Amino acid sequence: STTMSWYRQAPGKEREFVATTGAVGGATYYSDSTKGR
């Protein structure tokens, strides 16, 4: 019942959003650089 996300951080870069999902059956969202992959 908890929204969960993935983030990533490259060397020398700030942490950035990758993807998130709501509760089971909920909506999913992706960064422009990762969606489709």
PDB file of all heavy atoms in Angstrom:
ATOM      1  N   SER A   1       0.807  -1.216   0.000  1.00  0.00           N
ATOM      2  CA  SER A   1       0.000   0.000   0.000  1.00  0.00           C
ATOM      3  C   SER A   1       0.843   1.270   0.000  1.00  0.00           C
ATOM      4  O   SER A   1       0.334   2.359   0.266  1.00  0.00           O
ATOM      5  CB  SER A   1      -0.944   0.012   1.199  1.00  0.00           C
ATOM      6  OG  SER A   1      -0.231  -0.006   2.415  1.00  0.00           O
ATOM      7  N   THR A   2       2.112   1.131  -0.305  1.00  0.00           N
ATOM      8  CA  THR A   2       3.035   2.255  -0.244  1.00  0.00           C
ATOM      9  C   THR A   2       3.667   2.538  -1.599  1.00  0.00           C
ATOM     10  O   THR A   2       4.142   1.628  -2.274  1.00  0.00           O
ATOM     11  CB  THR A   2       4.152   1.980   0.777  1.00  0.00           C
ATOM     12  OG1 THR A   2       3.573   1.718   2.053  1.00  0.00           O
ATOM     13  CG2 THR A   2       5.095   3.174   0.883  1.00  0.00           C
ATOM     14  N   THR A   3       3.655   3.795  -1.983  1.00  0.00           N
ATOM     15  CA  THR A   3       4.337   4.198  -3.206  1.00  0.00           C
ATOM     16  C   THR A   3       5.839   3.953  -3.062  1.00  0.00           C
ATOM     17  O   THR A   3       6.437   4.284  -2.038  1.00  0.00           O
ATOM     18  CB  THR A   3       4.084   5.684  -3.496  1.00  0.00           C
ATOM     19  OG1 THR A   3       2.691   5.876  -3.756  1.00  0.00           O
ATOM     20  CG2 THR A   3       4.889   6.149  -4.704  1.00  0.00           C
ATOM     21  N   MET A   4       6.429   3.368  -4.079  1.00  0.00           N
ATOM     22  CA  MET A   4       7.857   3.078  -4.075  1.00  0.00           C
ATOM     23  C   MET A   4       8.505   3.619  -5.342  1.00  0.00           C
ATOM     24  O   MET A   4       7.867   3.686  -6.393  1.00  0.00           O
ATOM     25  CB  MET A   4       8.106   1.571  -3.984  1.00  0.00           C
ATOM     26  CG  MET A   4       7.591   0.914  -2.713  1.00  0.00           C
ATOM     27  SD  MET A   4       8.468   1.484  -1.226  1.00  0.00           S
ATOM     28  CE  MET A   4      10.145   0.945  -1.585  1.00  0.00           C
ATOM     29  N   SER A   5       9.770   3.971  -5.223  1.00  0.00           N
ATOM     30  CA  SER A   5      10.468   4.570  -6.350  1.00  0.00           C
ATOM     31  C   SER A   5      11.887   4.040  -6.472  1.00  0.00           C
ATOM     32  O   SER A   5      12.460   3.509  -5.520  1.00  0.00           O
ATOM     33  CB  SER A   5      10.529   6.092  -6.211  1.00  0.00           C
ATOM     34  OG  SER A   5       9.240   6.663  -6.137  1.00  0.00           O
ATOM     35  N   TRP A   6      12.437   4.207  -7.656  1.00  0.00           N
ATOM     36  CA  TRP A   6      13.854   3.987  -7.906  1.00  0.00           C
ATOM     37  C   TRP A   6      14.485   5.311  -8.298  1.00  0.00           C
ATOM     38  O   TRP A   6      13.918   6.067  -9.094  1.00  0.00           O
ATOM     39  CB  TRP A   6      14.079   2.979  -9.036  1.00  0.00           C
ATOM     40  CG  TRP A   6      13.814   1.555  -8.677  1.00  0.00           C
ATOM     41  CD1 TRP A   6      12.684   0.842  -8.927  1.00  0.00           C
ATOM     42  CD2 TRP A   6      14.719   0.659  -8.012  1.00  0.00           C
ATOM     43  NE1 TRP A   6      12.811  -0.437  -8.467  1.00  0.00           N
ATOM     44  CE2 TRP A   6      14.059  -0.583  -7.893  1.00  0.00           C
ATOM     45  CE3 TRP A   6      16.021   0.783  -7.507  1.00  0.00           C
ATOM     46  CZ2 TRP A   6      14.656  -1.694  -7.293  1.00  0.00           C
ATOM     47  CZ3 TRP A   6      16.612  -0.315  -6.907  1.00  0.00           C
ATOM     48  CH2 TRP A   6      15.933  -1.536  -6.808  1.00  0.00           C
ATOM     49  N   TYR A   7      15.635   5.575  -7.730  1.00  0.00           N
ATOM     50  CA  TYR A   7      16.452   6.723  -8.092  1.00  0.00           C
ATOM     51  C   TYR A   7      17.842   6.221  -8.435  1.00  0.00           C
ATOM     52  O   TYR A   7      18.195   5.074  -8.137  1.00  0.00           O
ATOM     53  CB  TYR A   7      16.539   7.729  -6.938  1.00  0.00           C
ATOM     54  CG  TYR A   7      15.341   8.633  -6.789  1.00  0.00           C
ATOM     55  CD1 TYR A   7      14.125   8.143  -6.334  1.00  0.00           C
ATOM     56  CD2 TYR A   7      15.431   9.995  -7.095  1.00  0.00           C
ATOM     57  CE1 TYR A   7      13.031   8.970  -6.199  1.00  0.00           C
ATOM     58  CE2 TYR A   7      14.340  10.831  -6.952  1.00  0.00           C
ATOM     59  CZ  TYR A   7      13.147  10.311  -6.504  1.00  0.00           C
ATOM     60  OH  TYR A   7      12.056  11.146  -6.358  1.00  0.00           O
ATOM     61  N   ARG A   8      18.638   7.072  -9.046  1.00  0.00           N
ATOM     62  CA  ARG A   8      20.010   6.703  -9.333  1.00  0.00           C
ATOM     63  C   ARG A   8      20.906   7.922  -9.207  1.00  0.00           C
ATOM     64  O   ARG A   8      20.457   9.059  -9.326  1.00  0.00           O
ATOM     65  CB  ARG A   8      20.142   6.090 -10.726  1.00  0.00           C
ATOM     66  CG  ARG A   8      19.868   7.056 -11.877  1.00  0.00           C
ATOM     67  CD  ARG A   8      19.869   6.318 -13.199  1.00  0.00           C
ATOM     68  NE  ARG A   8      19.654   7.213 -14.331  1.00  0.00           N
ATOM     69  CZ  ARG A   8      19.488   6.807 -15.580  1.00  0.00           C
ATOM     70  NH1 ARG A   8      19.512   5.508 -15.868  1.00  0.00           N
ATOM     71  NH2 ARG A   8      19.301   7.698 -16.548  1.00  0.00           N
ATOM     72  N   GLN A   9      22.175   7.662  -8.981  1.00  0.00           N
ATOM     73  CA  GLN A   9      23.144   8.731  -8.855  1.00  0.00           C
ATOM     74  C   GLN A   9      24.442   8.318  -9.527  1.00  0.00           C
ATOM     75  O   GLN A   9      25.079   7.352  -9.112  1.00  0.00           O
ATOM     76  CB  GLN A   9      23.394   9.083  -7.391  1.00  0.00           C
ATOM     77  CG  GLN A   9      24.278  10.300  -7.191  1.00  0.00           C
ATOM     78  CD  GLN A   9      24.259  10.796  -5.761  1.00  0.00           C
ATOM     79  OE1 GLN A   9      23.940  10.050  -4.838  1.00  0.00           O
ATOM     80  NE2 GLN A   9      24.586  12.058  -5.564  1.00  0.00           N
ATOM     81  N   ALA A  10      24.807   9.049 -10.560  1.00  0.00           N
ATOM     82  CA  ALA A  10      26.049   8.807 -11.264  1.00  0.00           C
ATOM     83  C   ALA A  10      27.177   9.574 -10.580  1.00  0.00           C
ATOM     84  O   ALA A  10      26.930  10.564  -9.878  1.00  0.00           O
ATOM     85  CB  ALA A  10      25.924   9.240 -12.721  1.00  0.00           C
ATOM     86  N   PRO A  11      28.428   9.147 -10.777  1.00  0.00           N
ATOM     87  CA  PRO A  11      29.554   9.843 -10.160  1.00  0.00           C
ATOM     88  C   PRO A  11      29.570  11.319 -10.524  1.00  0.00           C
ATOM     89  O   PRO A  11      29.468  11.678 -11.699  1.00  0.00           O
ATOM     90  CB  PRO A  11      30.772   9.119 -10.735  1.00  0.00           C
ATOM     91  CG  PRO A  11      30.268   7.743 -11.040  1.00  0.00           C
ATOM     92  CD  PRO A  11      28.866   7.957 -11.529  1.00  0.00           C
ATOM     93  N   GLY A  12      29.666  12.178  -9.522  1.00  0.00           N
ATOM     94  CA  GLY A  12      29.708  13.606  -9.760  1.00  0.00           C
ATOM     95  C   GLY A  12      28.382  14.240 -10.095  1.00  0.00           C
ATOM     96  O   GLY A  12      28.331  15.440 -10.367  1.00  0.00           O
ATOM     97  N   LYS A  13      27.308  13.462 -10.068  1.00  0.00           N
ATOM     98  CA  LYS A  13      25.984  13.975 -10.405  1.00  0.00           C
ATOM     99  C   LYS A  13      25.059  13.905  -9.199  1.00  0.00           C
ATOM    100  O   LYS A  13      25.307  13.177  -8.243  1.00  0.00           O
ATOM    101  CB  LYS A  13      25.374  13.177 -11.559  1.00  0.00           C
ATOM    102  CG  LYS A  13      26.227  13.096 -12.810  1.00  0.00           C
ATOM    103  CD  LYS A  13      26.389  14.442 -13.470  1.00  0.00           C
ATOM    104  CE  LYS A  13      27.176  14.318 -14.765  1.00  0.00           C
ATOM    105  NZ  LYS A  13      27.350  15.629 -15.428  1.00  0.00           N
ATOM    106  N   GLU A  14      23.992  14.678  -9.259  1.00  0.00           N
ATOM    107  CA  GLU A  14      22.984  14.618  -8.214  1.00  0.00           C
ATOM    108  C   GLU A  14      22.081  13.412  -8.436  1.00  0.00           C
ATOM    109  O   GLU A  14      21.944  12.913  -9.552  1.00  0.00           O
ATOM    110  CB  GLU A  14      22.148  15.901  -8.198  1.00  0.00           C
ATOM    111  CG  GLU A  14      22.931  17.141  -7.806  1.00  0.00           C
ATOM    112  CD  GLU A  14      22.047  18.358  -7.638  1.00  0.00           C
ATOM    113  OE1 GLU A  14      20.830  18.263  -7.876  1.00  0.00           O
ATOM    114  OE2 GLU A  14      22.572  19.414  -7.262  1.00  0.00           O
ATOM    115  N   ARG A  15      21.492  12.952  -7.366  1.00  0.00           N
ATOM    116  CA  ARG A  15      20.574  11.835  -7.457  1.00  0.00           C
ATOM    117  C   ARG A  15      19.363  12.236  -8.308  1.00  0.00           C
ATOM    118  O   ARG A  15      18.808  13.323  -8.154  1.00  0.00           O
ATOM    119  CB  ARG A  15      20.127  11.408  -6.064  1.00  0.00           C
ATOM    120  CG  ARG A  15      19.428  10.070  -6.011  1.00  0.00           C
ATOM    121  CD  ARG A  15      19.307   9.572  -4.574  1.00  0.00           C
ATOM    122  NE  ARG A  15      20.613   9.377  -3.957  1.00  0.00           N
ATOM    123  CZ  ARG A  15      20.800   8.853  -2.747  1.00  0.00           C
ATOM    124  NH1 ARG A  15      19.762   8.472  -2.027  1.00  0.00           N
ATOM    125  NH2 ARG A  15      22.027   8.724  -2.269  1.00  0.00           N
ATOM    126  N   GLU A  16      18.949  11.347  -9.210  1.00  0.00           N
ATOM    127  CA  GLU A  16      17.842  11.647 -10.091  1.00  0.00           C
ATOM    128  C   GLU A  16      16.781  10.559 -10.069  1.00  0.00           C
ATOM    129  O   GLU A  16      17.064   9.387  -9.831  1.00  0.00           O
ATOM    130  CB  GLU A  16      18.333  11.864 -11.531  1.00  0.00           C
ATOM    131  CG  GLU A  16      18.895  10.618 -12.193  1.00  0.00           C
ATOM    132  CD  GLU A  16      19.229  10.818 -13.659  1.00  0.00           C
ATOM    133  OE1 GLU A  16      18.829  11.851 -14.232  1.00  0.00           O
ATOM    134  OE2 GLU A  16      19.903   9.938 -14.243  1.00  0.00           O
ATOM    135  N   PHE A  17      15.575  10.958 -10.347  1.00  0.00           N
ATOM    136  CA  PHE A  17      14.439  10.057 -10.385  1.00  0.00           C
ATOM    137  C   PHE A  17      14.535   9.110 -11.566  1.00  0.00           C
ATOM    138  O   PHE A  17      14.926   9.502 -12.667  1.00  0.00           O
ATOM    139  CB  PHE A  17      13.141  10.867 -10.481  1.00  0.00           C
ATOM    140  CG  PHE A  17      11.926  10.054 -10.792  1.00  0.00           C
ATOM    141  CD1 PHE A  17      11.294   9.313  -9.805  1.00  0.00           C
ATOM    142  CD2 PHE A  17      11.398  10.025 -12.068  1.00  0.00           C
ATOM    143  CE1 PHE A  17      10.165   8.559 -10.083  1.00  0.00           C
ATOM    144  CE2 PHE A  17      10.276   9.281 -12.364  1.00  0.00           C
ATOM    145  CZ  PHE A  17       9.657   8.544 -11.364  1.00  0.00           C
ATOM    146  N   VAL A  18      14.156   7.856 -11.346  1.00  0.00           N
ATOM    147  CA  VAL A  18      14.134   6.855 -12.405  1.00  0.00           C
ATOM    148  C   VAL A  18      12.713   6.380 -12.684  1.00  0.00           C
ATOM    149  O   VAL A  18      12.231   6.443 -13.812  1.00  0.00           O
ATOM    150  CB  VAL A  18      15.020   5.646 -12.055  1.00  0.00           C
ATOM    151  CG1 VAL A  18      14.848   4.538 -13.097  1.00  0.00           C
ATOM    152  CG2 VAL A  18      16.480   6.062 -11.955  1.00  0.00           C
ATOM    153  N   ALA A  19      12.037   5.883 -11.649  1.00  0.00           N
ATOM    154  CA  ALA A  19      10.697   5.342 -11.833  1.00  0.00           C
ATOM    155  C   ALA A  19       9.981   5.274 -10.495  1.00  0.00           C
ATOM    156  O   ALA A  19      10.604   5.244  -9.438  1.00  0.00           O
ATOM    157  CB  ALA A  19      10.755   3.950 -12.464  1.00  0.00           C
ATOM    158  N   THR A  20       8.661   5.237 -10.544  1.00  0.00           N
ATOM    159  CA  THR A  20       7.875   5.096  -9.327  1.00  0.00           C
ATOM    160  C   THR A  20       6.629   4.278  -9.615  1.00  0.00           C
ATOM    161  O   THR A  20       6.148   4.226 -10.750  1.00  0.00           O
ATOM    162  CB  THR A  20       7.486   6.478  -8.748  1.00  0.00           C
ATOM    163  OG1 THR A  20       6.913   6.311  -7.444  1.00  0.00           O
ATOM    164  CG2 THR A  20       6.464   7.181  -9.642  1.00  0.00           C
ATOM    165  N   THR A  21       6.118   3.630  -8.600  1.00  0.00           N
ATOM    166  CA  THR A  21       4.881   2.870  -8.715  1.00  0.00           C
ATOM    167  C   THR A  21       4.071   3.026  -7.440  1.00  0.00           C
ATOM    168  O   THR A  21       4.619   3.061  -6.338  1.00  0.00           O
ATOM    169  CB  THR A  21       5.152   1.382  -8.997  1.00  0.00           C
ATOM    170  OG1 THR A  21       3.910   0.681  -9.146  1.00  0.00           O
ATOM    171  CG2 THR A  21       5.941   0.733  -7.862  1.00  0.00           C
ATOM    172  N   GLY A  22       2.754   3.140  -7.601  1.00  0.00           N
ATOM    173  CA  GLY A  22       1.871   3.214  -6.456  1.00  0.00           C
ATOM    174  C   GLY A  22       1.634   1.829  -5.892  1.00  0.00           C
ATOM    175  O   GLY A  22       2.389   0.895  -6.155  1.00  0.00           O
ATOM    176  N   ALA A  23       0.577   1.694  -5.125  1.00  0.00           N
ATOM    177  CA  ALA A  23       0.211   0.388  -4.601  1.00  0.00           C
ATOM    178  C   ALA A  23      -0.008  -0.573  -5.769  1.00  0.00           C
ATOM    179  O   ALA A  23      -0.131  -0.151  -6.918  1.00  0.00           O
ATOM    180  CB  ALA A  23      -1.039   0.479  -3.736  1.00  0.00           C
ATOM    181  N   VAL A  24      -0.053  -1.862  -5.470  1.00  0.00           N
ATOM    182  CA  VAL A  24      -0.272  -2.852  -6.516  1.00  0.00           C
ATOM    183  C   VAL A  24      -1.489  -2.461  -7.352  1.00  0.00           C
ATOM    184  O   VAL A  24      -2.564  -2.197  -6.824  1.00  0.00           O
ATOM    185  CB  VAL A  24      -0.469  -4.250  -5.910  1.00  0.00           C
ATOM    186  CG1 VAL A  24      -0.855  -5.246  -7.002  1.00  0.00           C
ATOM    187  CG2 VAL A  24       0.788  -4.693  -5.183  1.00  0.00           C
ATOM    188  N   GLY A  25      -1.294  -2.402  -8.642  1.00  0.00           N
ATOM    189  CA  GLY A  25      -2.350  -1.989  -9.546  1.00  0.00           C
ATOM    190  C   GLY A  25      -2.396  -0.499  -9.776  1.00  0.00           C
ATOM    191  O   GLY A  25      -3.215  -0.010 -10.563  1.00  0.00           O
ATOM    192  N   GLY A  26      -1.517   0.238  -9.108  1.00  0.00           N
ATOM    193  CA  GLY A  26      -1.475   1.674  -9.233  1.00  0.00           C
ATOM    194  C   GLY A  26      -0.699   2.133 -10.453  1.00  0.00           C
ATOM    195  O   GLY A  26      -0.153   1.340 -11.221  1.00  0.00           O
ATOM    196  N   ALA A  27      -0.635   3.429 -10.621  1.00  0.00           N
ATOM    197  CA  ALA A  27       0.049   4.013 -11.765  1.00  0.00           C
ATOM    198  C   ALA A  27       1.561   3.882 -11.648  1.00  0.00           C
ATOM    199  O   ALA A  27       2.111   3.779 -10.552  1.00  0.00           O
ATOM    200  CB  ALA A  27      -0.325   5.478 -11.895  1.00  0.00           C
ATOM    201  N   THR A  28       2.225   3.876 -12.787  1.00  0.00           N
ATOM    202  CA  THR A  28       3.676   3.869 -12.834  1.00  0.00           C
ATOM    203  C   THR A  28       4.153   5.062 -13.638  1.00  0.00           C
ATOM    204  O   THR A  28       3.485   5.505 -14.573  1.00  0.00           O
ATOM    205  CB  THR A  28       4.228   2.582 -13.465  1.00  0.00           C
ATOM    206  OG1 THR A  28       3.692   2.430 -14.790  1.00  0.00           O
ATOM    207  CG2 THR A  28       3.849   1.370 -12.630  1.00  0.00           C
ATOM    208  N   TYR A  29       5.312   5.583 -13.268  1.00  0.00           N
ATOM    209  CA  TYR A  29       5.887   6.730 -13.951  1.00  0.00           C
ATOM    210  C   TYR A  29       7.365   6.499 -14.145  1.00  0.00           C
ATOM    211  O   TYR A  29       8.026   5.887 -13.313  1.00  0.00           O
ATOM    212  CB  TYR A  29       5.654   8.013 -13.144  1.00  0.00           C
ATOM    213  CG  TYR A  29       4.201   8.319 -12.885  1.00  0.00           C
ATOM    214  CD1 TYR A  29       3.581   7.880 -11.727  1.00  0.00           C
ATOM    215  CD2 TYR A  29       3.448   9.047 -13.806  1.00  0.00           C
ATOM    216  CE1 TYR A  29       2.239   8.146 -11.485  1.00  0.00           C
ATOM    217  CE2 TYR A  29       2.105   9.316 -13.570  1.00  0.00           C
ATOM    218  CZ  TYR A  29       1.511   8.864 -12.413  1.00  0.00           C
ATOM    219  OH  TYR A  29       0.180   9.137 -12.176  1.00  0.00           O
ATOM    220  N   TYR A  30       7.884   7.023 -15.261  1.00  0.00           N
ATOM    221  CA  TYR A  30       9.280   6.848 -15.601  1.00  0.00           C
ATOM    222  C   TYR A  30       9.884   8.162 -16.051  1.00  0.00           C
ATOM    223  O   TYR A  30       9.193   9.022 -16.595  1.00  0.00           O
ATOM    224  CB  TYR A  30       9.441   5.821 -16.722  1.00  0.00           C
ATOM    225  CG  TYR A  30       8.902   4.458 -16.376  1.00  0.00           C
ATOM    226  CD1 TYR A  30       7.574   4.126 -16.631  1.00  0.00           C
ATOM    227  CD2 TYR A  30       9.723   3.500 -15.787  1.00  0.00           C
ATOM    228  CE1 TYR A  30       7.074   2.875 -16.305  1.00  0.00           C
ATOM    229  CE2 TYR A  30       9.227   2.249 -15.463  1.00  0.00           C
ATOM    230  CZ  TYR A  30       7.903   1.942 -15.721  1.00  0.00           C
ATOM    231  OH  TYR A  30       7.410   0.701 -15.393  1.00  0.00           O
ATOM    232  N   SER A  31      11.165   8.298 -15.840  1.00  0.00           N
ATOM    233  CA  SER A  31      11.867   9.443 -16.375  1.00  0.00           C
ATOM    234  C   SER A  31      11.909   9.326 -17.891  1.00  0.00           C
ATOM    235  O   SER A  31      11.786   8.229 -18.451  1.00  0.00           O
ATOM    236  CB  SER A  31      13.286   9.516 -15.809  1.00  0.00           C
ATOM    237  OG  SER A  31      14.062   8.422 -16.258  1.00  0.00           O
ATOM    238  N   ASP A  32      12.088  10.453 -18.559  1.00  0.00           N
ATOM    239  CA  ASP A  32      12.129  10.437 -20.015  1.00  0.00           C
ATOM    240  C   ASP A  32      13.267   9.568 -20.549  1.00  0.00           C
ATOM    241  O   ASP A  32      13.149   8.962 -21.615  1.00  0.00           O
ATOM    242  CB  ASP A  32      12.275  11.861 -20.557  1.00  0.00           C
ATOM    243  CG  ASP A  32      11.026  12.692 -20.369  1.00  0.00           C
ATOM    244  OD1 ASP A  32       9.941  12.110 -20.175  1.00  0.00           O
ATOM    245  OD2 ASP A  32      11.128  13.931 -20.433  1.00  0.00           O
ATOM    246  N   SER A  33      14.345   9.499 -19.816  1.00  0.00           N
ATOM    247  CA  SER A  33      15.510   8.758 -20.281  1.00  0.00           C
ATOM    248  C   SER A  33      15.381   7.246 -20.108  1.00  0.00           C
ATOM    249  O   SER A  33      16.155   6.496 -20.704  1.00  0.00           O
ATOM    250  CB  SER A  33      16.769   9.246 -19.562  1.00  0.00           C
ATOM    251  OG  SER A  33      16.687   9.008 -18.173  1.00  0.00           O
ATOM    252  N   THR A  34      14.425   6.800 -19.309  1.00  0.00           N
ATOM    253  CA  THR A  34      14.302   5.369 -19.032  1.00  0.00           C
ATOM    254  C   THR A  34      13.006   4.740 -19.513  1.00  0.00           C
ATOM    255  O   THR A  34      12.944   3.514 -19.667  1.00  0.00           O
ATOM    256  CB  THR A  34      14.446   5.080 -17.531  1.00  0.00           C
ATOM    257  OG1 THR A  34      13.391   5.719 -16.806  1.00  0.00           O
ATOM    258  CG2 THR A  34      15.789   5.580 -17.008  1.00  0.00           C
ATOM    259  N   LYS A  35      11.978   5.530 -19.731  1.00  0.00           N
ATOM    260  CA  LYS A  35      10.708   4.954 -20.151  1.00  0.00           C
ATOM    261  C   LYS A  35      10.863   4.268 -21.504  1.00  0.00           C
ATOM    262  O   LYS A  35      11.547   4.750 -22.396  1.00  0.00           O
ATOM    263  CB  LYS A  35       9.599   6.000 -20.191  1.00  0.00           C
ATOM    264  CG  LYS A  35       9.802   7.145 -21.152  1.00  0.00           C
ATOM    265  CD  LYS A  35       8.645   8.137 -21.034  1.00  0.00           C
ATOM    266  CE  LYS A  35       8.833   9.331 -21.933  1.00  0.00           C
ATOM    267  NZ  LYS A  35       7.719  10.315 -21.778  1.00  0.00           N
ATOM    268  N   GLY A  36      10.218   3.119 -21.625  1.00  0.00           N
ATOM    269  CA  GLY A  36      10.358   2.305 -22.819  1.00  0.00           C
ATOM    270  C   GLY A  36      11.464   1.283 -22.688  1.00  0.00           C
ATOM    271  O   GLY A  36      11.506   0.311 -23.449  1.00  0.00           O
ATOM    272  N   ARG A  37      12.366   1.478 -21.736  1.00  0.00           N
ATOM    273  CA  ARG A  37      13.470   0.553 -21.511  1.00  0.00           C
ATOM    274  C   ARG A  37      13.410  -0.092 -20.129  1.00  0.00           C
ATOM    275  O   ARG A  37      13.811  -1.240 -19.968  1.00  0.00           O
ATOM    276  CB  ARG A  37      14.814   1.262 -21.662  1.00  0.00           C
ATOM    277  CG  ARG A  37      15.045   1.861 -23.039  1.00  0.00           C
ATOM    278  CD  ARG A  37      16.467   2.404 -23.176  1.00  0.00           C
ATOM    279  NE  ARG A  37      16.736   3.476 -22.218  1.00  0.00           N
ATOM    280  CZ  ARG A  37      17.704   3.440 -21.302  1.00  0.00           C
ATOM    281  NH1 ARG A  37      18.498   2.377 -21.211  1.00  0.00           N
ATOM    282  NH2 ARG A  37      17.891   4.465 -20.489  1.00  0.00           N
TER     283      ARG A  37
END
